[in-house]
Amino acid sequence: MLGHAVAGAFLEVGHAVAGCGTRDRQVLALPGEIRYERYAFESWDPEAIARLIGDAEVVIQLAAYTRVDQAEAEPLLAHRTNALFAQAVARACEITGADLLYVSTDYVFDGRAGRSYREWDATAPASVYGQSKLAGELAVRRIPRHYIVRTSWLFGEHGPNFVATILKAGREQPELKVVNDQFGSPTYTGDLARAIARLVTTRRYGVYHLTNRGITTWFDFACEIFRQKGVATPVLPRSTADAGRPAPRPPYSVLENWAWQVAGEELLPAWEDALGRYLVRSLR
């Protein structure tokens, strides 16, 4: 989902893009001048990855294990993908001299501070998924020329996401119950990708929080999706405890885009606006 958007954003501003995938997954399929490669990520050999990187100036590390609940039962696999592979890519970038951008998550925080998180706030992941992503951050921090971009609640044109899932459920079910005690910032992959393309031109390395503006719950997010699409299916609030999910979720994981503002960059648009643009594009 994010990979397609990032490749497109870099193409828009005139960069050459190499899309990489695994042997058992389809590589990016976008119009434009993109060089495609297949690479067996499971080998995790920094020198092999370095040969793949070649003379690339920037590597965007998007490969990730994102099945939050399943990670509780597969901690080794989650850490191998989110941490060990990130370490191998970081070492490869050290060999070639490429800059590295690693995409991380709001789940590196436990969400119990009762306020939005800035980039330097102490991390305390409550789930295996969050722990594995934090381990990946720590691996990437070992090389000097890195960017770590934390984001949250992604939706976009490619791949499964909450918006598409909730619309499908609204067509198939008489009513929906959606969690109303988790707060965050829904983020459109198109907006995030353009910010990433901008960030890597600045050479201002470090940790950044990048999300669309505004705060909501999954329940209110669902209500806004239905409002914008004209869906009449009733949506009822429920608690996280009632949802009975295996992995703990941060109750308040809003990311304040502080470093981005300090750098003089414009905040991403409001999530409601981003949702509207996504819904228009998804109808094409």
Foldseek 3Di string as FASTA:
>chain_A
DLLQLLQVLLVVVPDAEEWEEEPVDDTDDDDDRYHYDYDHLVVLALVVVLVVCDQPQEDEDDFADDPFQCCQVVLVVRLCGQASSLLSPLSSCVVNVHAYEYEAELQQAQQPPPDADEPPDDGDHQGSNSVSNVNSVVSNVVDPRYEYEYEYQEDAQDDDHLLVVLVVCLVVDQAEEFEFQAKEAYAYSNLVSNVVSVVVVVSPHDYFYAGADDMGGRQVVSVLSCVLVVRDRYYHYDHPVVVPGNTRDNRYSYHDGVVCVVVVHDHHHGRSVSSNVRVVVNVD
